[in-house]
Amino acid sequence: MYGAVCFLRPNKTTHKSYCISLAKGYKLAQQFPTLTGDGKITRHINIKTPQDIDEKQIKVIIAETLVLNMEAHELKKLKANLDKIR
């Protein structure tokens, strides 16, 4: 309904680690400096072992991403409703 939040994939360059990719990560990079990458939309957290995962931080980042997705969805609905009025 709202869009992608995150996904886990093997690291494209090393294949010896995993990457948690976060949609809307570019909007969160300043707030969470552990996010890396320079793409237009996503930012990443690279992990080599389960011990590398900061579970609390991941939960906060995912929650923030959900909020951003909901805001974007609501703005689209608002714009569509305004376009109907015009």
N, C-alpha and C. Protein backbone atom coordinates (compact mmCIF):
# COMPACT_ATOMS: atom_id res chain seq x y z
N MET A 1 0.81 -1.18 0.00
CA MET A 1 0.00 0.00 0.00
C MET A 1 0.86 1.26 0.00
N TYR A 2 1.85 1.34 0.90
CA TYR A 2 2.65 2.55 1.01
C TYR A 2 3.94 2.48 0.21
N GLY A 3 4.51 1.33 0.03
CA GLY A 3 5.77 1.21 -0.68
C GLY A 3 6.76 0.38 0.12
N ALA A 4 7.94 0.25 -0.43
CA ALA A 4 8.98 -0.56 0.18
C ALA A 4 9.48 0.08 1.47
N VAL A 5 9.89 -0.77 2.41
CA VAL A 5 10.46 -0.29 3.66
C VAL A 5 11.93 -0.69 3.73
N CYS A 6 12.21 -1.97 3.68
CA CYS A 6 13.59 -2.43 3.68
C CYS A 6 13.66 -3.85 3.12
N PHE A 7 14.87 -4.23 2.78
CA PHE A 7 15.09 -5.61 2.34
C PHE A 7 16.51 -6.01 2.66
N LEU A 8 16.71 -7.30 2.79
CA LEU A 8 18.02 -7.87 3.13
C LEU A 8 18.53 -8.60 1.89
N ARG A 9 19.78 -8.33 1.55
CA ARG A 9 20.36 -8.98 0.38
C ARG A 9 21.85 -9.20 0.61
N PRO A 10 22.46 -10.12 -0.13
CA PRO A 10 23.92 -10.26 -0.04
C PRO A 10 24.58 -8.98 -0.54
N ASN A 11 25.71 -8.64 0.03
CA ASN A 11 26.46 -7.47 -0.42
C ASN A 11 26.92 -7.71 -1.86
N LYS A 12 26.64 -6.77 -2.73
CA LYS A 12 26.92 -6.94 -4.16
C LYS A 12 28.41 -7.07 -4.47
N THR A 13 29.25 -6.42 -3.68
CA THR A 13 30.67 -6.42 -4.02
C THR A 13 31.46 -7.54 -3.36
N THR A 14 31.16 -7.85 -2.10
CA THR A 14 31.98 -8.84 -1.41
C THR A 14 31.34 -10.22 -1.33
N HIS A 15 30.04 -10.28 -1.27
CA HIS A 15 29.30 -11.52 -1.08
C HIS A 15 29.69 -12.24 0.22
N LYS A 16 30.47 -11.56 1.08
CA LYS A 16 30.84 -12.13 2.37
C LYS A 16 30.09 -11.45 3.50
N SER A 17 29.20 -10.58 3.14
CA SER A 17 28.40 -9.88 4.14
C SER A 17 27.01 -9.66 3.56
N TYR A 18 26.14 -9.13 4.39
CA TYR A 18 24.78 -8.83 3.97
C TYR A 18 24.54 -7.34 4.10
N CYS A 19 23.53 -6.89 3.40
CA CYS A 19 23.21 -5.48 3.36
C CYS A 19 21.72 -5.34 3.66
N ILE A 20 21.39 -4.53 4.65
CA ILE A 20 20.00 -4.15 4.88
C ILE A 20 19.81 -2.84 4.14
N SER A 21 18.98 -2.87 3.11
CA SER A 21 18.73 -1.67 2.31
C SER A 21 17.42 -1.05 2.78
N LEU A 22 17.47 0.25 3.01
CA LEU A 22 16.31 0.95 3.53
C LEU A 22 15.77 1.95 2.52
N ALA A 23 14.52 1.74 2.15
CA ALA A 23 13.87 2.70 1.27
C ALA A 23 13.72 4.02 2.03
N LYS A 24 13.75 5.11 1.33
CA LYS A 24 13.69 6.45 1.92
C LYS A 24 14.89 6.71 2.82
N GLY A 25 15.92 5.88 2.69
CA GLY A 25 17.10 6.04 3.53
C GLY A 25 17.81 7.37 3.33
N TYR A 26 17.69 7.94 2.13
CA TYR A 26 18.34 9.23 1.88
C TYR A 26 17.78 10.31 2.79
N LYS A 27 16.52 10.19 3.20
CA LYS A 27 15.92 11.16 4.11
C LYS A 27 16.34 10.92 5.56
N LEU A 28 16.91 9.76 5.84
CA LEU A 28 17.29 9.40 7.20
C LEU A 28 18.79 9.43 7.44
N ALA A 29 19.57 9.64 6.39
CA ALA A 29 21.03 9.53 6.49
C ALA A 29 21.63 10.52 7.49
N GLN A 30 21.08 11.72 7.56
CA GLN A 30 21.63 12.70 8.49
C GLN A 30 21.32 12.31 9.94
N GLN A 31 20.13 11.82 10.17
CA GLN A 31 19.71 11.41 11.51
C GLN A 31 20.42 10.13 11.97
N PHE A 32 20.73 9.24 11.02
CA PHE A 32 21.37 7.97 11.33
C PHE A 32 22.65 7.83 10.50
N PRO A 33 23.79 8.31 11.02
CA PRO A 33 25.03 8.29 10.24
C PRO A 33 25.56 6.89 9.92
N THR A 34 25.01 5.85 10.54
CA THR A 34 25.44 4.49 10.21
C THR A 34 24.92 4.04 8.85
N LEU A 35 23.95 4.77 8.30
CA LEU A 35 23.45 4.45 6.97
C LEU A 35 24.48 4.91 5.94
N THR A 36 24.80 4.03 5.01
CA THR A 36 25.80 4.36 4.00
C THR A 36 25.18 4.31 2.61
N GLY A 37 25.90 4.81 1.65
CA GLY A 37 25.45 4.79 0.27
C GLY A 37 25.22 6.19 -0.25
N ASP A 38 25.17 6.28 -1.56
CA ASP A 38 24.97 7.59 -2.17
C ASP A 38 23.97 7.54 -3.32
N GLY A 39 23.10 6.55 -3.29
CA GLY A 39 22.06 6.44 -4.31
C GLY A 39 20.98 7.49 -4.12
N LYS A 40 20.06 7.55 -5.05
CA LYS A 40 19.01 8.55 -4.98
C LYS A 40 18.01 8.29 -3.86
N ILE A 41 17.78 7.03 -3.52
CA ILE A 41 16.71 6.72 -2.58
C ILE A 41 17.18 5.91 -1.38
N THR A 42 17.82 4.79 -1.60
CA THR A 42 18.13 3.88 -0.51
C THR A 42 19.45 4.21 0.18
N ARG A 43 19.54 3.77 1.42
CA ARG A 43 20.78 3.77 2.17
C ARG A 43 20.90 2.38 2.79
N HIS A 44 22.10 2.02 3.21
CA HIS A 44 22.36 0.65 3.59
C HIS A 44 23.05 0.55 4.95
N ILE A 45 22.87 -0.61 5.55
CA ILE A 45 23.64 -1.00 6.72
C ILE A 45 24.26 -2.35 6.37
N ASN A 46 25.56 -2.42 6.37
CA ASN A 46 26.26 -3.66 6.04
C ASN A 46 26.54 -4.44 7.31
N ILE A 47 26.29 -5.73 7.24
CA ILE A 47 26.51 -6.60 8.39
C ILE A 47 27.27 -7.85 7.94
N LYS A 48 28.20 -8.27 8.78
CA LYS A 48 28.96 -9.49 8.49
C LYS A 48 28.49 -10.65 9.35
N THR A 49 28.10 -10.35 10.57
CA THR A 49 27.64 -11.39 11.49
C THR A 49 26.38 -10.90 12.20
N PRO A 50 25.60 -11.79 12.74
CA PRO A 50 24.41 -11.35 13.48
C PRO A 50 24.76 -10.42 14.66
N GLN A 51 25.97 -10.54 15.18
CA GLN A 51 26.38 -9.68 16.30
C GLN A 51 26.57 -8.23 15.85
N ASP A 52 26.72 -8.00 14.56
CA ASP A 52 26.87 -6.64 14.04
C ASP A 52 25.56 -5.85 14.04
N ILE A 53 24.46 -6.54 14.23
CA ILE A 53 23.14 -5.90 14.13
C ILE A 53 22.81 -5.19 15.44
N ASP A 54 22.53 -3.90 15.33
CA ASP A 54 22.04 -3.12 16.46
C ASP A 54 20.51 -3.12 16.35
N GLU A 55 19.90 -4.10 17.02
CA GLU A 55 18.46 -4.33 16.87
C GLU A 55 17.63 -3.10 17.21
N LYS A 56 18.00 -2.39 18.28
CA LYS A 56 17.24 -1.20 18.66
C LYS A 56 17.28 -0.14 17.57
N GLN A 57 18.48 0.07 17.02
CA GLN A 57 18.61 1.08 15.98
C GLN A 57 17.84 0.69 14.72
N ILE A 58 17.91 -0.57 14.35
CA ILE A 58 17.18 -1.04 13.16
C ILE A 58 15.69 -0.83 13.35
N LYS A 59 15.17 -1.13 14.53
CA LYS A 59 13.75 -0.93 14.79
C LYS A 59 13.36 0.54 14.66
N VAL A 60 14.19 1.44 15.18
CA VAL A 60 13.90 2.87 15.09
C VAL A 60 13.95 3.33 13.63
N ILE A 61 14.94 2.88 12.89
CA ILE A 61 15.06 3.28 11.49
C ILE A 61 13.87 2.78 10.68
N ILE A 62 13.46 1.54 10.91
CA ILE A 62 12.30 0.99 10.19
C ILE A 62 11.05 1.77 10.55
N ALA A 63 10.88 2.10 11.82
CA ALA A 63 9.71 2.89 12.23
C ALA A 63 9.71 4.26 11.53
N GLU A 64 10.86 4.90 11.45
CA GLU A 64 10.95 6.19 10.77
C GLU A 64 10.64 6.05 9.28
N THR A 65 11.09 4.97 8.68
CA THR A 65 10.81 4.72 7.27
C THR A 65 9.31 4.52 7.04
N LEU A 66 8.66 3.80 7.96
CA LEU A 66 7.21 3.62 7.86
C LEU A 66 6.49 4.95 7.92
N VAL A 67 6.91 5.82 8.81
CA VAL A 67 6.30 7.15 8.92
C VAL A 67 6.48 7.92 7.62
N LEU A 68 7.68 7.90 7.06
CA LEU A 68 7.92 8.60 5.79
C LEU A 68 7.04 8.05 4.67
N ASN A 69 6.87 6.73 4.62
CA ASN A 69 6.02 6.12 3.60
C ASN A 69 4.56 6.54 3.78
N MET A 70 4.09 6.56 5.02
CA MET A 70 2.71 6.97 5.27
C MET A 70 2.50 8.43 4.91
N GLU A 71 3.48 9.29 5.24
CA GLU A 71 3.37 10.70 4.90
C GLU A 71 3.30 10.89 3.38
N ALA A 72 4.15 10.19 2.65
CA ALA A 72 4.15 10.29 1.19
C ALA A 72 2.81 9.83 0.62
N HIS A 73 2.27 8.76 1.17
CA HIS A 73 0.99 8.24 0.72
C HIS A 73 -0.13 9.25 0.97
N GLU A 74 -0.14 9.83 2.16
CA GLU A 74 -1.17 10.81 2.49
C GLU A 74 -1.05 12.06 1.63
N LEU A 75 0.17 12.49 1.32
CA LEU A 75 0.35 13.65 0.44
C LEU A 75 -0.19 13.37 -0.96
N LYS A 76 0.02 12.16 -1.45
CA LYS A 76 -0.51 11.79 -2.76
C LYS A 76 -2.04 11.82 -2.76
N LYS A 77 -2.64 11.31 -1.68
CA LYS A 77 -4.10 11.33 -1.58
C LYS A 77 -4.61 12.76 -1.53
N LEU A 78 -3.96 13.60 -0.76
CA LEU A 78 -4.36 15.00 -0.64
C LEU A 78 -4.27 15.70 -1.99
N LYS A 79 -3.18 15.48 -2.70
CA LYS A 79 -3.00 16.09 -4.02
C LYS A 79 -4.10 15.62 -4.98
N ALA A 80 -4.41 14.35 -4.96
CA ALA A 80 -5.45 13.83 -5.83
C ALA A 80 -6.80 14.47 -5.51
N ASN A 81 -7.09 14.64 -4.23
CA ASN A 81 -8.34 15.28 -3.84
C ASN A 81 -8.39 16.75 -4.25
N LEU A 82 -7.26 17.43 -4.13
CA LEU A 82 -7.20 18.83 -4.57
C LEU A 82 -7.37 18.96 -6.08
N ASP A 83 -6.79 18.01 -6.81
CA ASP A 83 -6.94 18.03 -8.26
C ASP A 83 -8.39 17.83 -8.68
N LYS A 84 -9.15 17.05 -7.91
CA LYS A 84 -10.57 16.84 -8.21
C LYS A 84 -11.37 18.13 -8.01
N ILE A 85 -10.97 18.91 -7.01
CA ILE A 85 -11.69 20.15 -6.71
C ILE A 85 -11.46 21.19 -7.80
N ARG A 86 -10.27 21.22 -8.32
CA ARG A 86 -9.91 22.25 -9.32
C ARG A 86 -10.59 22.03 -10.60
